[in-house]
Amino acid sequence: MEHISLDGVIQHDDSDGFAYGNWTTPYRTPAGLAALVEVYGSRFDLLLGRRTYDAWAAFWPQAGDSPMANGLNAAMKYVATHRPTGLGWGRPRTLGPTSWRRFGASRPRTAPTCLSAEAPR
């Protein structure tokens, strides 16, 4: 499931000066959140780049008690980074800057679904 508006805008964060940042916020609904939680399931892992990990680590631990926050905070985080220090959110495992290529083969078959996300540059 992709977080995207009908006109193709994925970014909803205005932190980098994007003039229309967060414009989708008023259109988000409890039904939309329920659909995301259903698709993600109750247990999943995350494959994140360092930029996304840092952005999410600054937000989700303080997001409060909700199915989405609880799932993201509890997830195993596989982080592709060449800076393995400072990974204090949840249960992180570092991947070297190119080891993501071996990532799928290294996970146990019994591991939960792995979701990936990328922060805008």
N, C-alpha and C. Protein backbone atom coordinates (compact mmCIF):
# COMPACT_ATOMS: atom_id res chain seq x y z
N MET A 1 0.86 -1.17 0.00
CA MET A 1 0.00 0.00 0.00
C MET A 1 0.90 1.23 0.00
N GLU A 2 0.62 2.15 -0.86
CA GLU A 2 1.43 3.37 -0.99
C GLU A 2 0.65 4.55 -0.45
N HIS A 3 1.34 5.44 0.22
CA HIS A 3 0.74 6.69 0.69
C HIS A 3 0.93 7.72 -0.42
N ILE A 4 -0.11 7.90 -1.23
CA ILE A 4 0.02 8.79 -2.38
C ILE A 4 -1.33 9.46 -2.65
N SER A 5 -1.29 10.72 -3.04
CA SER A 5 -2.53 11.42 -3.39
C SER A 5 -2.90 11.09 -4.84
N LEU A 6 -4.12 11.41 -5.22
CA LEU A 6 -4.58 11.09 -6.58
C LEU A 6 -3.77 11.79 -7.66
N ASP A 7 -3.16 12.92 -7.33
CA ASP A 7 -2.35 13.61 -8.33
C ASP A 7 -0.88 13.20 -8.29
N GLY A 8 -0.57 12.14 -7.54
CA GLY A 8 0.78 11.58 -7.56
C GLY A 8 1.74 12.14 -6.53
N VAL A 9 1.26 12.96 -5.60
CA VAL A 9 2.14 13.52 -4.57
C VAL A 9 2.28 12.53 -3.42
N ILE A 10 3.50 12.12 -3.16
CA ILE A 10 3.75 11.20 -2.05
C ILE A 10 4.13 11.99 -0.81
N GLN A 11 4.89 13.03 -0.97
CA GLN A 11 5.38 13.79 0.17
C GLN A 11 4.25 14.54 0.86
N HIS A 12 4.19 14.42 2.17
CA HIS A 12 3.22 15.22 2.91
C HIS A 12 3.88 16.00 4.02
N ASP A 13 5.17 15.94 4.12
CA ASP A 13 5.92 16.64 5.15
C ASP A 13 6.38 17.98 4.61
N ASP A 14 6.22 19.04 5.40
CA ASP A 14 6.64 20.35 4.91
C ASP A 14 7.97 20.79 5.50
N SER A 15 8.72 19.87 6.09
CA SER A 15 9.96 20.24 6.78
C SER A 15 11.06 20.73 5.83
N ASP A 16 10.98 20.38 4.55
CA ASP A 16 12.03 20.82 3.63
C ASP A 16 11.57 21.99 2.76
N GLY A 17 10.52 22.69 3.18
CA GLY A 17 10.08 23.87 2.46
C GLY A 17 9.13 23.61 1.30
N PHE A 18 8.69 22.38 1.14
CA PHE A 18 7.73 22.05 0.08
C PHE A 18 6.46 22.85 0.32
N ALA A 19 6.07 23.68 -0.64
CA ALA A 19 4.98 24.65 -0.45
C ALA A 19 3.64 24.00 -0.10
N TYR A 20 3.43 22.78 -0.56
CA TYR A 20 2.14 22.13 -0.33
C TYR A 20 2.25 20.99 0.69
N GLY A 21 3.28 21.03 1.52
CA GLY A 21 3.47 19.99 2.52
C GLY A 21 2.28 19.87 3.45
N ASN A 22 1.98 18.66 3.82
CA ASN A 22 0.89 18.31 4.75
C ASN A 22 -0.50 18.63 4.21
N TRP A 23 -0.65 18.85 2.93
CA TRP A 23 -1.97 19.20 2.41
C TRP A 23 -2.95 18.04 2.50
N THR A 24 -2.46 16.81 2.56
CA THR A 24 -3.38 15.67 2.64
C THR A 24 -3.90 15.42 4.06
N THR A 25 -3.31 16.07 5.06
CA THR A 25 -3.68 15.82 6.45
C THR A 25 -5.19 15.94 6.71
N PRO A 26 -5.88 16.97 6.24
CA PRO A 26 -7.32 17.07 6.54
C PRO A 26 -8.15 15.96 5.92
N TYR A 27 -7.60 15.23 4.95
CA TYR A 27 -8.35 14.19 4.26
C TYR A 27 -8.10 12.79 4.83
N ARG A 28 -7.22 12.69 5.79
CA ARG A 28 -6.95 11.39 6.41
C ARG A 28 -8.11 11.04 7.33
N THR A 29 -8.47 9.76 7.35
CA THR A 29 -9.64 9.33 8.11
C THR A 29 -9.31 8.13 8.98
N PRO A 30 -10.13 7.87 9.98
CA PRO A 30 -9.97 6.64 10.76
C PRO A 30 -10.07 5.39 9.89
N ALA A 31 -10.92 5.43 8.86
CA ALA A 31 -11.03 4.28 7.96
C ALA A 31 -9.74 4.06 7.19
N GLY A 32 -9.08 5.15 6.79
CA GLY A 32 -7.79 5.02 6.11
C GLY A 32 -6.74 4.43 7.01
N LEU A 33 -6.70 4.87 8.26
CA LEU A 33 -5.76 4.30 9.23
C LEU A 33 -6.05 2.82 9.44
N ALA A 34 -7.32 2.46 9.57
CA ALA A 34 -7.70 1.06 9.76
C ALA A 34 -7.24 0.21 8.57
N ALA A 35 -7.37 0.75 7.36
CA ALA A 35 -6.92 0.01 6.17
C ALA A 35 -5.42 -0.22 6.20
N LEU A 36 -4.66 0.81 6.59
CA LEU A 36 -3.20 0.66 6.69
C LEU A 36 -2.83 -0.39 7.73
N VAL A 37 -3.45 -0.31 8.89
CA VAL A 37 -3.14 -1.26 9.96
C VAL A 37 -3.48 -2.68 9.52
N GLU A 38 -4.59 -2.84 8.79
CA GLU A 38 -4.96 -4.16 8.30
C GLU A 38 -3.95 -4.69 7.30
N VAL A 39 -3.51 -3.85 6.37
CA VAL A 39 -2.52 -4.27 5.37
C VAL A 39 -1.18 -4.59 6.02
N TYR A 40 -0.75 -3.74 6.95
CA TYR A 40 0.53 -3.97 7.62
C TYR A 40 0.48 -5.19 8.51
N GLY A 41 -0.65 -5.48 9.10
CA GLY A 41 -0.75 -6.59 10.04
C GLY A 41 -0.31 -6.14 11.43
N SER A 42 -0.41 -7.04 12.37
CA SER A 42 -0.06 -6.69 13.75
C SER A 42 1.42 -6.84 14.04
N ARG A 43 2.13 -7.55 13.19
CA ARG A 43 3.56 -7.79 13.41
C ARG A 43 4.29 -7.69 12.08
N PHE A 44 5.31 -6.85 12.04
CA PHE A 44 6.09 -6.68 10.81
C PHE A 44 7.46 -6.14 11.17
N ASP A 45 8.38 -6.27 10.23
CA ASP A 45 9.72 -5.68 10.35
C ASP A 45 9.78 -4.49 9.41
N LEU A 46 10.79 -3.64 9.61
CA LEU A 46 10.98 -2.48 8.74
C LEU A 46 12.37 -2.51 8.12
N LEU A 47 12.46 -2.21 6.85
CA LEU A 47 13.73 -2.02 6.15
C LEU A 47 13.80 -0.54 5.82
N LEU A 48 14.73 0.17 6.44
CA LEU A 48 14.80 1.63 6.32
C LEU A 48 16.21 2.08 5.98
N GLY A 49 16.30 3.15 5.22
CA GLY A 49 17.56 3.85 5.08
C GLY A 49 17.80 4.70 6.31
N ARG A 50 19.00 5.16 6.48
CA ARG A 50 19.33 5.92 7.69
C ARG A 50 18.53 7.21 7.80
N ARG A 51 18.31 7.91 6.70
CA ARG A 51 17.56 9.16 6.73
C ARG A 51 16.12 8.91 7.21
N THR A 52 15.49 7.87 6.70
CA THR A 52 14.13 7.55 7.13
C THR A 52 14.12 7.10 8.57
N TYR A 53 15.08 6.26 8.95
CA TYR A 53 15.16 5.81 10.34
C TYR A 53 15.26 7.01 11.28
N ASP A 54 16.13 7.95 10.99
CA ASP A 54 16.30 9.12 11.86
C ASP A 54 15.01 9.95 11.93
N ALA A 55 14.34 10.15 10.79
CA ALA A 55 13.11 10.93 10.78
C ALA A 55 12.01 10.23 11.58
N TRP A 56 11.87 8.93 11.40
CA TRP A 56 10.83 8.19 12.12
C TRP A 56 11.17 8.07 13.60
N ALA A 57 12.45 7.90 13.92
CA ALA A 57 12.87 7.79 15.33
C ALA A 57 12.60 9.07 16.10
N ALA A 58 12.58 10.20 15.39
CA ALA A 58 12.29 11.48 16.04
C ALA A 58 10.79 11.66 16.28
N PHE A 59 9.96 10.90 15.56
CA PHE A 59 8.51 11.09 15.67
C PHE A 59 7.78 9.96 16.39
N TRP A 60 7.93 8.73 15.92
CA TRP A 60 7.06 7.64 16.36
C TRP A 60 7.17 7.28 17.84
N PRO A 61 8.30 7.35 18.49
CA PRO A 61 8.31 7.03 19.92
C PRO A 61 7.45 7.97 20.76
N GLN A 62 7.20 9.17 20.28
CA GLN A 62 6.39 10.14 21.01
C GLN A 62 4.98 10.25 20.44
N ALA A 63 4.61 9.39 19.52
CA ALA A 63 3.33 9.52 18.82
C ALA A 63 2.13 9.07 19.64
N GLY A 64 2.35 8.46 20.76
CA GLY A 64 1.23 8.02 21.58
C GLY A 64 0.82 6.59 21.29
N ASP A 65 -0.24 6.19 21.94
CA ASP A 65 -0.73 4.82 21.85
C ASP A 65 -1.74 4.71 20.71
N SER A 66 -1.35 4.05 19.63
CA SER A 66 -2.25 3.80 18.51
C SER A 66 -1.75 2.54 17.81
N PRO A 67 -2.60 1.87 17.05
CA PRO A 67 -2.14 0.66 16.35
C PRO A 67 -0.93 0.91 15.46
N MET A 68 -0.92 2.04 14.75
CA MET A 68 0.20 2.34 13.85
C MET A 68 1.47 2.61 14.65
N ALA A 69 1.40 3.48 15.63
CA ALA A 69 2.58 3.81 16.44
C ALA A 69 3.09 2.57 17.17
N ASN A 70 2.20 1.80 17.73
CA ASN A 70 2.62 0.61 18.47
C ASN A 70 3.31 -0.39 17.56
N GLY A 71 2.78 -0.58 16.35
CA GLY A 71 3.40 -1.51 15.40
C GLY A 71 4.77 -1.04 14.95
N LEU A 72 4.87 0.24 14.61
CA LEU A 72 6.16 0.77 14.16
C LEU A 72 7.19 0.75 15.28
N ASN A 73 6.78 1.08 16.48
CA ASN A 73 7.73 1.10 17.59
C ASN A 73 8.20 -0.31 17.97
N ALA A 74 7.33 -1.31 17.83
CA ALA A 74 7.68 -2.68 18.19
C ALA A 74 8.46 -3.42 17.10
N ALA A 75 8.40 -2.93 15.88
CA ALA A 75 9.01 -3.63 14.74
C ALA A 75 10.53 -3.72 14.86
N MET A 76 11.08 -4.82 14.35
CA MET A 76 12.53 -4.92 14.15
C MET A 76 12.87 -3.96 13.02
N LYS A 77 13.88 -3.13 13.22
CA LYS A 77 14.29 -2.18 12.20
C LYS A 77 15.62 -2.60 11.61
N TYR A 78 15.64 -2.89 10.32
CA TYR A 78 16.87 -3.18 9.59
C TYR A 78 17.25 -1.88 8.91
N VAL A 79 18.41 -1.33 9.26
CA VAL A 79 18.79 0.00 8.80
C VAL A 79 20.02 -0.08 7.91
N ALA A 80 19.87 0.34 6.67
CA ALA A 80 20.99 0.40 5.74
C ALA A 80 21.74 1.71 6.01
N THR A 81 22.94 1.60 6.53
CA THR A 81 23.68 2.80 6.91
C THR A 81 25.17 2.52 6.95
N HIS A 82 25.93 3.56 6.72
CA HIS A 82 27.37 3.47 6.95
C HIS A 82 27.72 4.16 8.27
N ARG A 83 26.69 4.65 8.99
CA ARG A 83 26.86 5.27 10.31
C ARG A 83 26.07 4.47 11.34
N PRO A 84 26.61 3.39 11.84
CA PRO A 84 25.83 2.53 12.75
C PRO A 84 25.63 3.08 14.16
N THR A 85 26.26 4.19 14.50
CA THR A 85 26.08 4.73 15.85
C THR A 85 24.79 5.54 15.93
N GLY A 86 24.24 5.64 17.12
CA GLY A 86 23.08 6.47 17.35
C GLY A 86 21.75 5.86 16.94
N LEU A 87 21.69 4.56 16.81
CA LEU A 87 20.44 3.90 16.48
C LEU A 87 19.76 3.47 17.78
N GLY A 88 19.01 4.37 18.38
CA GLY A 88 18.44 4.10 19.68
C GLY A 88 16.95 3.79 19.69
N TRP A 89 16.29 3.79 18.54
CA TRP A 89 14.85 3.57 18.49
C TRP A 89 14.56 2.09 18.29
N GLY A 90 13.87 1.51 19.23
CA GLY A 90 13.38 0.15 19.07
C GLY A 90 14.48 -0.88 19.02
N ARG A 91 14.29 -1.83 18.15
CA ARG A 91 15.24 -2.94 17.99
C ARG A 91 15.91 -2.82 16.62
N PRO A 92 16.95 -2.01 16.51
CA PRO A 92 17.58 -1.85 15.21
C PRO A 92 18.68 -2.89 14.95
N ARG A 93 18.82 -3.25 13.71
CA ARG A 93 19.95 -4.05 13.25
C ARG A 93 20.54 -3.31 12.06
N THR A 94 21.83 -3.09 12.12
CA THR A 94 22.44 -2.33 11.04
C THR A 94 22.81 -3.22 9.87
N LEU A 95 22.61 -2.68 8.70
CA LEU A 95 23.07 -3.30 7.46
C LEU A 95 24.11 -2.34 6.91
N GLY A 96 25.17 -2.85 6.37
CA GLY A 96 26.15 -1.96 5.76
C GLY A 96 25.54 -1.23 4.59
N PRO A 97 26.25 -0.27 4.03
CA PRO A 97 25.68 0.54 2.96
C PRO A 97 25.30 -0.25 1.71
N THR A 98 25.87 -1.43 1.52
CA THR A 98 25.50 -2.24 0.35
C THR A 98 24.94 -3.61 0.73
N SER A 99 24.84 -3.92 2.00
CA SER A 99 24.41 -5.25 2.40
C SER A 99 22.91 -5.48 2.21
N TRP A 100 22.16 -4.44 1.84
CA TRP A 100 20.74 -4.62 1.57
C TRP A 100 20.53 -5.62 0.44
N ARG A 101 21.54 -5.79 -0.41
CA ARG A 101 21.41 -6.75 -1.51
C ARG A 101 21.27 -8.18 -1.00
N ARG A 102 21.87 -8.45 0.16
CA ARG A 102 21.80 -9.79 0.76
C ARG A 102 20.69 -9.88 1.80
N PHE A 103 19.97 -8.82 2.01
CA PHE A 103 19.00 -8.73 3.09
C PHE A 103 17.95 -9.83 3.04
N GLY A 104 17.29 -9.98 1.91
CA GLY A 104 16.22 -10.97 1.80
C GLY A 104 16.67 -12.38 2.08
N ALA A 105 17.86 -12.72 1.62
CA ALA A 105 18.37 -14.08 1.83
C ALA A 105 18.78 -14.32 3.27
N SER A 106 19.04 -13.26 4.03
CA SER A 106 19.54 -13.44 5.38
C SER A 106 18.43 -13.52 6.44
N ARG A 107 17.21 -13.16 6.08
CA ARG A 107 16.12 -13.19 7.06
C ARG A 107 15.52 -14.59 7.16
N PRO A 108 15.15 -15.01 8.36
CA PRO A 108 14.52 -16.32 8.51
C PRO A 108 13.18 -16.37 7.77
N ARG A 109 12.84 -17.53 7.26
CA ARG A 109 11.57 -17.67 6.54
C ARG A 109 10.37 -17.43 7.44
N THR A 110 10.55 -17.58 8.73
CA THR A 110 9.45 -17.37 9.67
C THR A 110 9.34 -15.92 10.11
N ALA A 111 10.20 -15.06 9.60
CA ALA A 111 10.15 -13.64 9.97
C ALA A 111 8.86 -13.02 9.46
N PRO A 112 8.37 -11.99 10.16
CA PRO A 112 7.14 -11.33 9.69
C PRO A 112 7.39 -10.55 8.40
N THR A 113 6.33 -10.09 7.80
CA THR A 113 6.41 -9.27 6.60
C THR A 113 7.34 -8.09 6.86
N CYS A 114 8.10 -7.71 5.86
CA CYS A 114 9.00 -6.57 6.00
C CYS A 114 8.51 -5.43 5.13
N LEU A 115 8.28 -4.28 5.75
CA LEU A 115 7.85 -3.08 5.05
C LEU A 115 9.06 -2.19 4.82
N SER A 116 9.08 -1.47 3.73
CA SER A 116 10.18 -0.54 3.50
C SER A 116 9.62 0.85 3.22
N ALA A 117 10.42 1.84 3.54
CA ALA A 117 10.03 3.23 3.31
C ALA A 117 11.28 4.03 3.02
N GLU A 118 11.10 5.13 2.31
CA GLU A 118 12.23 5.99 1.97
C GLU A 118 11.84 7.43 2.23
N ALA A 119 12.73 8.15 2.85
CA ALA A 119 12.50 9.59 3.09
C ALA A 119 12.87 10.37 1.84
N PRO A 120 12.19 11.47 1.59
CA PRO A 120 12.55 12.30 0.43
C PRO A 120 13.90 12.93 0.63
N ARG A 121 14.59 13.17 -0.45
CA ARG A 121 15.91 13.83 -0.38
C ARG A 121 15.74 15.31 -0.40
